[in-house]
Amino acid sequence: MPSDREECELLGPVALTVQCVLGLLSMSSLLYKRMNEGPVKRPFKIWVFDVSKQVIGASFIHILNLVLSIISKIKLISSLSIKKPKWSDDNPCDYYFLNILFDTTIGIPILYFFITLITKILIRFNVRGVKSGEYDTPPKLVNYFKQLIIYLCSLGLMKVSIYYITMCFPILVKTAIWLLSIFDKYPNTQITFVLLIFPLIMNAFQYYVVDNLIQSHSYYKVNKLIHEEEEGYGSV
């Protein structure tokens, strides 16, 4: 019996267009954050180093989510013991939606945990230039690449952790499938929501929080001190 449910194509022409728009909008949000940074801004080269780690990491996770959503969807359902009719098609948008949801919520503290853990281990072994956001003076590319590797490894560990959380709580997969089922009759609308609207909102939140976490805390301390001094002068 054929399925009445139209497949959500993550690599179709509409999906690819939506993903390109999402990428441009996401980068624009980082530029907007830069404009409102201060009063002491990170030097431009430092900012580029910090932001590029997120851009590269986001591209890595985005591709990984697509691959997992398209190739591993049947294995994931089988491992979670979710029984569906043999004629039923698994919708990759369900799993992509779930990946985005986890990556941009509980994934953030998990990511920060692994960045901190790996950094502390490397510092313990006297590896220099690995403290996030600190690239030496003047900034050195070798330190940037060390931190980029740490960031990408932490992202990978985050994905593994989220996968096991999903395995332990299969109700989450069922909930994602149920939530997106309202769009089943409108595949293009579903694609727009899953690949543009939802990730745009969640990625904007994620970029902002993660940028604060991976940048050097010295800028935060300086800006906090300036604000406190301004408040002190204002109260006189």
Protein backbone atom coordinates (compact mmCIF):
# COMPACT_ATOMS: atom_id res chain seq x y z
CA MET A 1 0.00 0.00 0.00
CA PRO A 2 1.59 3.37 -0.95
CA SER A 3 2.03 6.09 1.53
CA ASP A 4 -0.22 9.12 1.43
CA ARG A 5 2.41 11.14 3.10
CA GLU A 6 4.65 13.22 0.87
CA GLU A 7 8.31 13.02 1.73
CA CYS A 8 10.02 16.10 3.05
CA GLU A 9 12.98 16.45 0.69
CA LEU A 10 15.94 18.02 2.52
CA LEU A 11 18.04 18.16 -0.65
CA GLY A 12 15.38 19.27 -3.12
CA PRO A 13 15.54 22.63 -4.97
CA VAL A 14 13.26 24.37 -2.46
CA ALA A 15 15.24 23.00 0.49
CA LEU A 16 18.59 24.07 -0.96
CA THR A 17 17.28 27.57 -1.65
CA VAL A 18 15.92 27.85 1.87
CA GLN A 19 19.24 26.68 3.33
CA CYS A 20 21.17 29.33 1.36
CA VAL A 21 18.84 32.03 2.67
CA LEU A 22 19.26 30.70 6.19
CA GLY A 23 23.04 30.85 5.89
CA LEU A 24 22.98 34.47 4.76
CA LEU A 25 20.54 35.51 7.49
CA SER A 26 22.57 33.71 10.14
CA MET A 27 25.76 35.51 9.13
CA SER A 28 23.87 38.81 9.12
CA SER A 29 22.84 38.22 12.73
CA LEU A 30 26.52 37.88 13.67
CA LEU A 31 27.28 41.19 11.97
CA TYR A 32 24.40 42.83 13.84
CA LYS A 33 25.77 41.51 17.13
CA ARG A 34 29.17 42.94 16.22
CA MET A 35 27.67 46.39 15.63
CA ASN A 36 26.11 46.35 19.10
CA GLU A 37 29.16 44.99 20.87
CA GLY A 38 30.87 47.17 23.37
CA PRO A 39 31.67 49.65 24.65
CA VAL A 40 35.02 47.87 24.20
CA LYS A 41 34.86 45.77 21.03
CA ARG A 42 37.05 42.83 20.25
CA PRO A 43 39.70 43.71 17.66
CA PHE A 44 38.40 42.84 14.22
CA LYS A 45 40.84 39.96 13.71
CA ILE A 46 39.91 38.48 17.10
CA TRP A 47 36.21 38.80 16.22
CA VAL A 48 36.78 37.07 12.86
CA PHE A 49 38.59 34.23 14.63
CA ASP A 50 35.76 33.80 17.15
CA VAL A 51 32.95 34.04 14.61
CA SER A 52 34.61 31.82 12.00
CA LYS A 53 34.78 28.99 14.53
CA GLN A 54 31.00 29.18 14.85
CA VAL A 55 30.47 29.47 11.09
CA ILE A 56 32.67 26.45 10.38
CA GLY A 57 31.13 24.54 13.27
CA ALA A 58 27.59 25.40 12.16
CA SER A 59 28.36 24.18 8.63
CA PHE A 60 29.80 20.96 10.06
CA ILE A 61 26.73 20.35 12.24
CA HIS A 62 24.33 21.31 9.45
CA ILE A 63 25.83 18.77 7.06
CA LEU A 64 25.97 16.16 9.81
CA ASN A 65 22.30 16.73 10.65
CA LEU A 66 21.33 16.34 6.99
CA VAL A 67 23.31 13.12 6.69
CA LEU A 68 21.90 11.69 9.91
CA SER A 69 18.37 12.74 8.97
CA ILE A 70 18.47 11.19 5.50
CA ILE A 71 20.71 8.13 5.83
CA SER A 72 20.21 7.03 9.45
CA LYS A 73 16.49 7.69 9.89
CA ILE A 74 15.43 4.03 9.47
CA LYS A 75 18.15 2.75 11.82
CA LEU A 76 17.18 5.36 14.42
CA ILE A 77 13.53 4.29 14.38
CA SER A 78 14.51 0.64 14.61
CA SER A 79 16.86 1.25 17.55
CA LEU A 80 14.14 3.17 19.38
CA SER A 81 11.62 0.36 18.80
CA ILE A 82 9.12 2.69 17.17
CA LYS A 83 6.91 0.41 15.09
CA LYS A 84 5.41 1.91 11.96
CA PRO A 85 3.56 0.26 9.07
CA LYS A 86 5.84 -1.20 6.40
CA TRP A 87 4.32 1.11 3.81
CA SER A 88 4.95 4.21 5.94
CA ASP A 89 7.72 6.54 4.75
CA ASP A 90 10.02 8.04 7.35
CA ASN A 91 10.13 11.80 7.02
CA PRO A 92 13.69 13.19 7.34
CA CYS A 93 12.31 16.59 8.39
CA ASP A 94 11.11 14.97 11.62
CA TYR A 95 14.66 14.05 12.57
CA TYR A 96 16.19 17.25 11.28
CA PHE A 97 13.73 19.23 13.42
CA LEU A 98 14.65 17.14 16.45
CA ASN A 99 18.38 17.65 15.78
CA ILE A 100 17.99 21.43 15.57
CA LEU A 101 15.88 21.48 18.73
CA PHE A 102 18.48 19.60 20.75
CA ASP A 103 21.54 21.30 19.24
CA THR A 104 20.29 24.77 20.14
CA THR A 105 18.98 23.99 23.64
CA ILE A 106 20.61 21.30 25.78
CA GLY A 107 23.38 21.10 23.20
CA ILE A 108 24.77 24.48 24.30
CA PRO A 109 25.71 23.52 27.90
CA ILE A 110 26.93 20.13 26.66
CA LEU A 111 29.13 21.88 24.08
CA TYR A 112 30.54 24.27 26.66
CA PHE A 113 31.22 21.36 29.02
CA PHE A 114 33.31 19.54 26.41
CA ILE A 115 35.16 22.70 25.34
CA THR A 116 36.06 23.38 28.97
CA LEU A 117 37.00 19.76 29.66
CA ILE A 118 39.23 19.35 26.60
CA THR A 119 40.86 22.75 27.19
CA LYS A 120 41.67 21.90 30.82
CA ILE A 121 43.14 18.54 29.80
CA LEU A 122 45.37 20.15 27.16
CA ILE A 123 46.50 22.90 29.56
CA ARG A 124 47.35 20.19 32.09
CA PHE A 125 49.65 18.71 29.45
CA ASN A 126 51.24 22.16 28.91
CA VAL A 127 49.68 22.74 25.49
CA ARG A 128 49.64 26.50 24.88
CA GLY A 129 47.21 28.69 22.98
CA VAL A 130 44.14 26.53 23.61
CA LYS A 131 42.17 28.82 25.92
CA SER A 132 39.10 29.87 23.97
CA GLY A 133 39.19 33.39 22.55
CA GLU A 134 42.82 34.04 23.47
CA TYR A 135 45.10 33.93 20.45
CA ASP A 136 48.20 35.68 21.86
CA THR A 137 49.50 39.15 20.90
CA PRO A 138 49.50 39.56 17.98
CA PRO A 139 46.88 36.86 17.23
CA LYS A 140 48.46 33.68 15.92
CA LEU A 141 46.86 31.36 13.37
CA VAL A 142 48.34 28.29 15.07
CA ASN A 143 46.39 29.11 18.24
CA TYR A 144 43.26 29.68 16.20
CA PHE A 145 43.52 26.26 14.54
CA LYS A 146 44.12 24.60 17.90
CA GLN A 147 40.94 26.15 19.26
CA LEU A 148 39.02 25.34 16.07
CA ILE A 149 39.95 21.67 16.42
CA ILE A 150 38.83 21.74 20.06
CA TYR A 151 35.56 23.35 19.02
CA LEU A 152 34.84 20.82 16.26
CA CYS A 153 35.73 17.89 18.53
CA SER A 154 33.39 19.29 21.19
CA LEU A 155 30.62 19.59 18.61
CA GLY A 156 31.13 15.95 17.64
CA LEU A 157 30.99 14.85 21.28
CA MET A 158 27.89 16.97 21.76
CA LYS A 159 26.17 15.17 18.87
CA VAL A 160 27.09 11.78 20.32
CA SER A 161 25.70 12.85 23.70
CA ILE A 162 22.47 14.10 22.14
CA TYR A 163 22.12 10.86 20.18
CA TYR A 164 22.29 8.81 23.38
CA ILE A 165 19.83 11.14 25.10
CA THR A 166 17.46 10.55 22.20
CA MET A 167 18.01 6.81 22.51
CA CYS A 168 17.11 6.95 26.20
CA PHE A 169 13.98 9.04 25.62
CA PRO A 170 12.21 7.74 22.47
CA ILE A 171 9.16 9.84 23.34
CA LEU A 172 11.10 12.83 22.02
CA VAL A 173 11.24 11.35 18.52
CA LYS A 174 7.55 10.53 18.64
CA THR A 175 6.78 14.07 19.79
CA ALA A 176 8.78 15.59 16.92
CA ILE A 177 6.98 13.40 14.39
CA TRP A 178 3.62 14.37 15.88
CA LEU A 179 4.41 18.10 15.92
CA LEU A 180 5.47 18.17 12.27
CA SER A 181 2.61 15.96 11.11
CA ILE A 182 0.39 19.07 10.84
CA PHE A 183 2.51 20.10 7.84
CA ASP A 184 2.35 16.73 6.05
CA LYS A 185 -0.10 17.96 3.43
CA TYR A 186 2.09 21.02 2.76
CA PRO A 187 5.65 19.72 2.17
CA ASN A 188 7.05 23.07 1.00
CA THR A 189 5.64 24.79 4.10
CA GLN A 190 7.13 22.04 6.21
CA ILE A 191 10.52 22.51 4.58
CA THR A 192 10.35 26.28 5.12
CA PHE A 193 9.51 25.84 8.80
CA VAL A 194 12.05 23.10 9.50
CA LEU A 195 14.94 24.50 7.44
CA LEU A 196 14.36 28.27 7.76
CA ILE A 197 11.95 29.62 10.36
CA PHE A 198 12.70 27.28 13.26
CA PRO A 199 16.50 27.06 12.81
CA LEU A 200 16.72 30.82 12.15
CA ILE A 201 15.13 31.62 15.51
CA MET A 202 17.04 28.94 17.38
CA ASN A 203 20.37 29.61 15.65
CA ALA A 204 20.11 33.33 16.44
CA PHE A 205 19.79 32.37 20.09
CA GLN A 206 22.57 29.80 19.83
CA TYR A 207 25.00 32.13 18.05
CA TYR A 208 24.51 34.84 20.64
CA VAL A 209 25.00 32.54 23.63
CA VAL A 210 27.89 30.53 22.18
CA ASP A 211 29.70 33.70 21.05
CA ASN A 212 29.63 34.90 24.64
CA LEU A 213 30.93 31.55 25.83
CA ILE A 214 33.85 31.12 23.42
CA GLN A 215 35.18 34.69 23.38
CA SER A 216 37.84 35.81 25.83
CA HIS A 217 36.20 36.71 29.13
CA SER A 218 38.56 39.66 29.48
CA TYR A 219 36.32 41.76 27.19
CA TYR A 220 33.29 40.94 29.31
CA LYS A 221 35.15 41.95 32.47
CA VAL A 222 36.34 45.23 30.96
CA ASN A 223 32.88 46.16 29.68
CA LYS A 224 31.32 45.25 33.02
CA LEU A 225 33.83 47.48 34.80
CA ILE A 226 33.08 50.37 32.43
CA HIS A 227 29.34 50.01 33.01
CA GLU A 228 29.84 49.96 36.76
CA GLU A 229 31.98 53.11 36.61
CA GLU A 230 29.39 54.88 34.43
CA GLU A 231 26.64 53.94 36.86
CA GLY A 232 28.79 55.20 39.71
CA TYR A 233 29.35 58.58 38.03
CA GLY A 234 25.66 58.83 37.22
CA SER A 235 24.66 58.37 40.83
CA VAL A 236 26.94 61.18 42.06
